[in-house]
Amino acid sequence: MRFLTNVDISNFYSSFVNLDKQDFDVIIQEFQSNKNLIDLLSIEQKLELKIIYLEALYQIGRYGTYLREVDEIIEDCIRYHRIDQPNRIVFEDLLFKKATALFHQGFVKESEYVTIELVKINPTETLYQALLTRIFYRKNESKFHYVKVMCLFLILSSALMYGSNLLIVHPFYGDYLAILFDVGFVTLNVGVLLYVVGEISMFGEAVFRSRAKVHKCRERKLRKKQQ
């Protein structure tokens, strides 16, 4: 087996960073197939390639693999990067994608924790508030589950009343029962109205909570600056 030279390592690094950043499958394949070469790179170069790799994993929805890899990269960013603007953006981006990946994997509580930490770091970023709103909305869904069940019951009851009037009452009695249509109309509208009000209430409560949390973090950060 041929020994790897500095030229080989340099050529691999150059070719990797010049890969089409939208060709996610190629990036993942190249990274996973050349880990021996990546280990020989400098710390900064290795970190750069890992960040490109993580981005590819995230973009194609391989959240499980992303979550297994991201913590080590975040630690490396903290350990080796200066706390300047470009590196802080990279750090926040990794954390934001971690929070989103946790959300998509069903780890809502963990996602909420990471997102709140991001809001504390940068309370002016609207993406963090948007994700926090989605998290609160998801948590509200379990609370409003019984309302959705009730709405479904009312809508099905309405359908049964309409159906029985059309398929049973009219063929056998030669006429429709007006009361079935009236009650069916009422139950249908009540069911739909409850569902709409429930959805609006869940979303409104999620927006209110996320805005309150962001406002609290913003005020706390302002006070720290003034001290």
Protein backbone atom coordinates (compact mmCIF):
# COMPACT_ATOMS: atom_id res chain seq x y z
CA MET A 1 0.00 0.00 0.00
CA ARG A 2 1.33 3.41 -0.99
CA PHE A 3 2.11 5.87 1.81
CA LEU A 4 0.10 9.06 1.77
CA THR A 5 2.13 12.18 1.10
CA ASN A 6 1.38 15.79 1.97
CA VAL A 7 0.50 16.31 -1.67
CA ASP A 8 -2.15 13.55 -1.48
CA ILE A 9 -3.63 15.09 1.64
CA SER A 10 -3.60 18.58 0.16
CA ASN A 11 -5.20 17.40 -3.08
CA PHE A 12 -7.94 15.58 -1.18
CA TYR A 13 -8.69 18.65 0.93
CA SER A 14 -8.84 20.92 -2.13
CA SER A 15 -11.09 18.55 -4.06
CA PHE A 16 -13.43 18.10 -1.10
CA VAL A 17 -13.93 21.79 -0.37
CA ASN A 18 -14.55 22.39 -4.08
CA LEU A 19 -17.31 19.78 -4.31
CA ASP A 20 -20.71 21.08 -5.32
CA LYS A 21 -22.29 21.97 -1.96
CA GLN A 22 -25.68 20.87 -3.30
CA ASP A 23 -24.42 17.37 -4.16
CA PHE A 24 -25.11 16.04 -0.70
CA ASP A 25 -24.80 12.33 -1.46
CA VAL A 26 -21.35 12.79 -2.99
CA ILE A 27 -20.18 14.83 -0.01
CA ILE A 28 -21.37 12.17 2.43
CA GLN A 29 -19.82 9.37 0.40
CA GLU A 30 -16.49 11.17 0.06
CA PHE A 31 -16.32 11.97 3.76
CA GLN A 32 -17.22 8.49 4.95
CA SER A 33 -14.86 6.83 2.47
CA ASN A 34 -11.83 8.96 3.32
CA LYS A 35 -11.82 9.24 7.10
CA ASN A 36 -8.18 8.09 7.19
CA LEU A 37 -7.21 11.11 5.08
CA ILE A 38 -9.40 13.47 7.08
CA ASP A 39 -7.69 12.41 10.30
CA LEU A 40 -4.37 13.59 8.83
CA LEU A 41 -5.60 17.11 8.14
CA SER A 42 -4.94 20.07 10.38
CA ILE A 43 -7.51 20.84 13.05
CA GLU A 44 -8.98 23.78 11.13
CA GLN A 45 -9.17 21.85 7.86
CA LYS A 46 -10.71 18.83 9.56
CA LEU A 47 -13.30 21.03 11.24
CA GLU A 48 -14.16 22.71 7.95
CA LEU A 49 -14.77 19.36 6.25
CA LYS A 50 -16.83 18.05 9.14
CA ILE A 51 -19.07 21.11 8.99
CA ILE A 52 -19.61 20.58 5.25
CA TYR A 53 -20.41 16.92 5.95
CA LEU A 54 -22.87 17.79 8.71
CA GLU A 55 -24.63 20.27 6.43
CA ALA A 56 -25.09 17.53 3.83
CA LEU A 57 -26.51 15.14 6.43
CA TYR A 58 -28.92 17.78 7.64
CA GLN A 59 -30.11 18.78 4.17
CA ILE A 60 -31.09 15.23 3.18
CA GLY A 61 -32.85 14.60 6.48
CA ARG A 62 -30.43 12.14 8.07
CA TYR A 63 -31.11 13.69 11.45
CA GLY A 64 -30.10 10.66 13.50
CA THR A 65 -26.60 10.58 12.02
CA TYR A 66 -26.39 14.37 12.29
CA LEU A 67 -27.21 14.26 16.01
CA ARG A 68 -24.59 11.57 16.63
CA GLU A 69 -21.90 13.72 15.03
CA VAL A 70 -22.83 17.31 15.84
CA ASP A 71 -21.94 17.51 19.53
CA GLU A 72 -18.29 16.67 18.85
CA ILE A 73 -18.12 19.38 16.17
CA ILE A 74 -19.73 21.95 18.47
CA GLU A 75 -17.17 21.13 21.15
CA ASP A 76 -14.38 21.51 18.59
CA CYS A 77 -15.77 24.89 17.54
CA ILE A 78 -15.69 26.06 21.14
CA ARG A 79 -12.23 24.61 21.75
CA TYR A 80 -10.42 25.79 18.64
CA HIS A 81 -12.32 28.78 17.28
CA ARG A 82 -11.97 32.35 18.44
CA ILE A 83 -15.23 33.93 19.58
CA ASP A 84 -15.51 36.30 16.64
CA GLN A 85 -18.50 37.00 14.41
CA PRO A 86 -17.93 34.43 11.62
CA ASN A 87 -17.20 31.59 14.04
CA ARG A 88 -20.08 32.56 16.31
CA ILE A 89 -22.41 32.30 13.31
CA VAL A 90 -21.07 28.80 12.55
CA PHE A 91 -21.54 27.81 16.20
CA GLU A 92 -25.12 29.14 16.29
CA ASP A 93 -25.94 27.49 12.96
CA LEU A 94 -24.81 24.09 14.27
CA LEU A 95 -26.87 24.55 17.42
CA PHE A 96 -29.93 25.66 15.44
CA LYS A 97 -29.73 22.65 13.16
CA LYS A 98 -29.26 20.42 16.20
CA ALA A 99 -32.44 21.86 17.73
CA THR A 100 -34.32 21.35 14.45
CA ALA A 101 -33.02 17.78 14.08
CA LEU A 102 -34.09 16.98 17.65
CA PHE A 103 -37.55 18.40 16.86
CA HIS A 104 -37.90 16.25 13.73
CA GLN A 105 -36.72 13.17 15.64
CA GLY A 106 -39.42 13.70 18.26
CA PHE A 107 -37.16 14.95 21.07
CA VAL A 108 -39.30 18.03 21.67
CA LYS A 109 -38.16 18.71 25.25
CA GLU A 110 -34.47 18.55 24.26
CA SER A 111 -35.15 20.71 21.20
CA GLU A 112 -36.86 23.30 23.40
CA TYR A 113 -33.86 23.44 25.73
CA VAL A 114 -31.37 24.01 22.87
CA THR A 115 -33.62 26.60 21.21
CA ILE A 116 -34.04 28.58 24.41
CA GLU A 117 -30.26 28.61 24.83
CA LEU A 118 -30.00 29.98 21.28
CA VAL A 119 -32.55 32.68 22.09
CA LYS A 120 -30.46 33.64 25.12
CA ILE A 121 -27.39 33.95 22.87
CA ASN A 122 -29.13 35.91 20.12
CA PRO A 123 -32.69 37.04 20.98
CA THR A 124 -33.00 39.11 17.79
CA GLU A 125 -32.84 36.09 15.44
CA THR A 126 -36.36 35.45 14.13
CA LEU A 127 -35.59 31.85 13.12
CA TYR A 128 -35.08 30.91 16.76
CA GLN A 129 -38.42 32.40 17.75
CA ALA A 130 -40.12 30.61 14.83
CA LEU A 131 -38.69 27.26 15.93
CA LEU A 132 -39.68 27.94 19.54
CA THR A 133 -43.23 28.67 18.35
CA ARG A 134 -43.33 25.33 16.51
CA ILE A 135 -42.08 23.55 19.62
CA PHE A 136 -44.72 25.14 21.85
CA TYR A 137 -47.38 24.35 19.23
CA ARG A 138 -46.29 20.69 19.14
CA LYS A 139 -46.46 20.52 22.94
CA ASN A 140 -49.96 22.02 22.84
CA GLU A 141 -51.21 19.32 20.46
CA SER A 142 -51.31 16.72 23.24
CA LYS A 143 -53.30 19.10 25.45
CA PHE A 144 -55.89 19.74 22.73
CA HIS A 145 -56.13 16.12 21.61
CA TYR A 146 -59.51 15.65 23.29
CA VAL A 147 -60.88 18.68 21.43
CA LYS A 148 -59.89 17.14 18.09
CA VAL A 149 -61.53 13.85 19.09
CA MET A 150 -64.73 15.73 19.96
CA CYS A 151 -64.63 17.58 16.63
CA LEU A 152 -64.19 14.33 14.72
CA PHE A 153 -67.10 12.79 16.62
CA LEU A 154 -69.38 15.73 15.77
CA ILE A 155 -68.41 15.69 12.10
CA LEU A 156 -68.96 11.91 11.86
CA SER A 157 -72.30 12.26 13.64
CA SER A 158 -73.33 14.89 11.11
CA ALA A 159 -72.30 12.63 8.24
CA LEU A 160 -74.34 9.77 9.72
CA MET A 161 -77.43 11.98 10.04
CA TYR A 162 -77.14 13.19 6.45
CA GLY A 163 -76.43 9.68 5.21
CA SER A 164 -79.31 8.06 7.10
CA ASN A 165 -81.70 10.72 5.85
CA LEU A 166 -80.62 10.18 2.25
CA LEU A 167 -80.18 6.39 2.23
CA ILE A 168 -82.69 5.13 4.79
CA VAL A 169 -85.41 7.64 5.66
CA HIS A 170 -86.18 8.88 2.15
CA PRO A 171 -86.24 5.47 0.37
CA PHE A 172 -88.49 3.90 3.05
CA TYR A 173 -90.75 6.83 3.94
CA GLY A 174 -90.71 8.77 0.70
CA ASP A 175 -89.64 12.00 2.37
CA TYR A 176 -86.77 13.47 4.36
CA LEU A 177 -86.79 14.26 8.05
CA ALA A 178 -86.01 17.93 8.27
CA ILE A 179 -84.82 17.58 11.86
CA LEU A 180 -82.00 15.25 10.78
CA PHE A 181 -80.77 17.81 8.27
CA ASP A 182 -81.02 20.59 10.87
CA VAL A 183 -79.25 18.66 13.62
CA GLY A 184 -76.64 17.40 11.12
CA PHE A 185 -76.01 20.95 9.92
CA VAL A 186 -75.58 22.19 13.50
CA THR A 187 -73.25 19.38 14.58
CA LEU A 188 -71.16 19.78 11.42
CA ASN A 189 -70.71 23.50 11.96
CA VAL A 190 -70.02 23.11 15.68
CA GLY A 191 -67.39 20.45 14.91
CA VAL A 192 -65.67 22.55 12.27
CA LEU A 193 -65.86 25.69 14.42
CA LEU A 194 -64.38 23.90 17.44
CA TYR A 195 -61.55 22.55 15.30
CA VAL A 196 -60.74 25.96 13.82
CA VAL A 197 -60.93 27.71 17.20
CA GLY A 198 -58.76 24.98 18.74
CA GLU A 199 -56.10 25.34 16.06
CA ILE A 200 -56.10 29.13 16.31
CA SER A 201 -55.92 28.94 20.11
CA MET A 202 -53.02 26.47 20.03
CA PHE A 203 -51.08 28.59 17.55
CA GLY A 204 -51.88 31.84 19.33
CA GLU A 205 -50.78 30.46 22.69
CA ALA A 206 -47.55 29.14 21.12
CA VAL A 207 -46.82 32.53 19.53
CA PHE A 208 -47.53 34.35 22.80
CA ARG A 209 -45.24 32.04 24.81
CA SER A 210 -42.39 32.25 22.30
CA ARG A 211 -42.62 36.06 22.10
CA ALA A 212 -42.69 36.31 25.88
CA LYS A 213 -39.60 34.11 26.17
CA VAL A 214 -37.74 36.10 23.50
CA HIS A 215 -38.72 39.40 25.12
CA LYS A 216 -37.51 38.16 28.51
CA CYS A 217 -34.16 37.07 27.05
CA ARG A 218 -33.79 40.36 25.17
CA GLU A 219 -34.47 42.39 28.31
CA ARG A 220 -32.00 40.31 30.31
CA LYS A 221 -29.31 40.78 27.68
CA LEU A 222 -29.88 44.54 27.61
CA ARG A 223 -29.56 44.74 31.39
CA LYS A 224 -26.27 42.85 31.26
CA LYS A 225 -24.90 45.29 28.67
CA GLN A 226 -25.89 48.25 30.81
CA GLN A 227 -24.16 46.90 33.91
